[in-house]
């Protein structure tokens, strides 16, 4: 199994570049561990990852 760690910005630029301007730089810097690597992702996967990552990032920000 290929595990790959990439920044959210890389996922967005590869699969959903139109979303890039909508995200904060702090969100784009979130590191994501991909179970099967970046090449296995599709656009709908990217949208799910973006939604989940922002949700988790926001939750952490509220706790600080």
Protein backbone atom coordinates (compact mmCIF):
# COMPACT_ATOMS: atom_id res chain seq x y z
CA UNK A 1 0.00 0.00 0.00
CA UNK A 2 1.38 3.39 -1.01
CA UNK A 3 1.09 6.02 1.73
CA UNK A 4 1.76 9.58 0.63
CA UNK A 5 1.67 12.81 2.63
CA UNK A 6 0.79 15.91 0.63
CA UNK A 7 -0.43 19.40 1.38
CA UNK A 8 -4.05 20.17 0.66
CA UNK A 9 -2.88 22.76 -1.87
CA UNK A 10 -1.37 20.02 -4.03
CA UNK A 11 -4.61 18.03 -4.05
CA UNK A 12 -6.64 21.12 -4.89
CA UNK A 13 -4.31 22.27 -7.67
CA UNK A 14 -4.30 18.83 -9.28
CA UNK A 15 -7.99 18.00 -9.10
CA UNK A 16 -10.06 21.12 -8.36
CA UNK A 17 -7.92 24.17 -9.21
CA UNK A 18 -10.98 26.43 -9.39
CA UNK A 19 -11.32 26.07 -5.61
CA UNK A 20 -7.78 27.29 -4.89
CA UNK A 21 -8.65 31.02 -4.57
CA UNK A 22 -11.49 30.18 -2.16
CA UNK A 23 -9.21 28.62 0.44
CA UNK A 24 -7.06 30.34 3.06
CA UNK A 25 -3.32 29.78 2.97
CA UNK A 26 -3.54 28.10 6.38
CA UNK A 27 -6.07 25.64 4.98
CA UNK A 28 -3.96 24.97 1.91
CA UNK A 29 -1.01 24.13 4.18
CA UNK A 30 -2.84 21.29 5.94
CA UNK A 31 -0.99 18.00 5.47
CA UNK A 32 -3.07 15.07 4.28
CA UNK A 33 -2.02 11.43 4.41
CA UNK A 34 -3.33 9.56 1.38
CA UNK A 35 -3.68 5.82 1.74
CA UNK A 36 -3.18 5.02 -1.95
CA UNK A 37 -1.31 8.12 -3.06
CA UNK A 38 -2.29 11.23 -4.99
CA UNK A 39 -2.62 9.42 -8.30
CA UNK A 40 -5.54 7.35 -7.00
CA UNK A 41 -7.73 10.40 -6.25
CA UNK A 42 -10.56 11.73 -8.37
CA UNK A 43 -12.19 15.18 -8.28
CA UNK A 44 -15.03 14.03 -6.02
CA UNK A 45 -12.47 12.62 -3.57
CA UNK A 46 -10.73 16.00 -3.52
CA UNK A 47 -13.99 17.76 -2.65
CA UNK A 48 -14.57 15.39 0.26
CA UNK A 49 -11.01 15.88 1.51
CA UNK A 50 -11.34 19.68 1.30
CA UNK A 51 -14.63 19.68 3.20
CA UNK A 52 -13.36 17.37 5.92
CA UNK A 53 -10.02 19.16 6.28
CA UNK A 54 -11.60 22.58 6.64
CA UNK A 55 -14.10 21.22 9.13
CA UNK A 56 -11.33 19.68 11.25
CA UNK A 57 -9.10 22.77 10.92
CA UNK A 58 -11.97 25.04 12.01
CA UNK A 59 -12.76 22.82 14.95
CA UNK A 60 -9.13 22.96 16.12
CA UNK A 61 -9.03 26.74 15.67
CA UNK A 62 -12.09 27.16 17.89
CA UNK A 63 -10.50 25.15 20.67
CA UNK A 64 -7.44 27.42 20.92
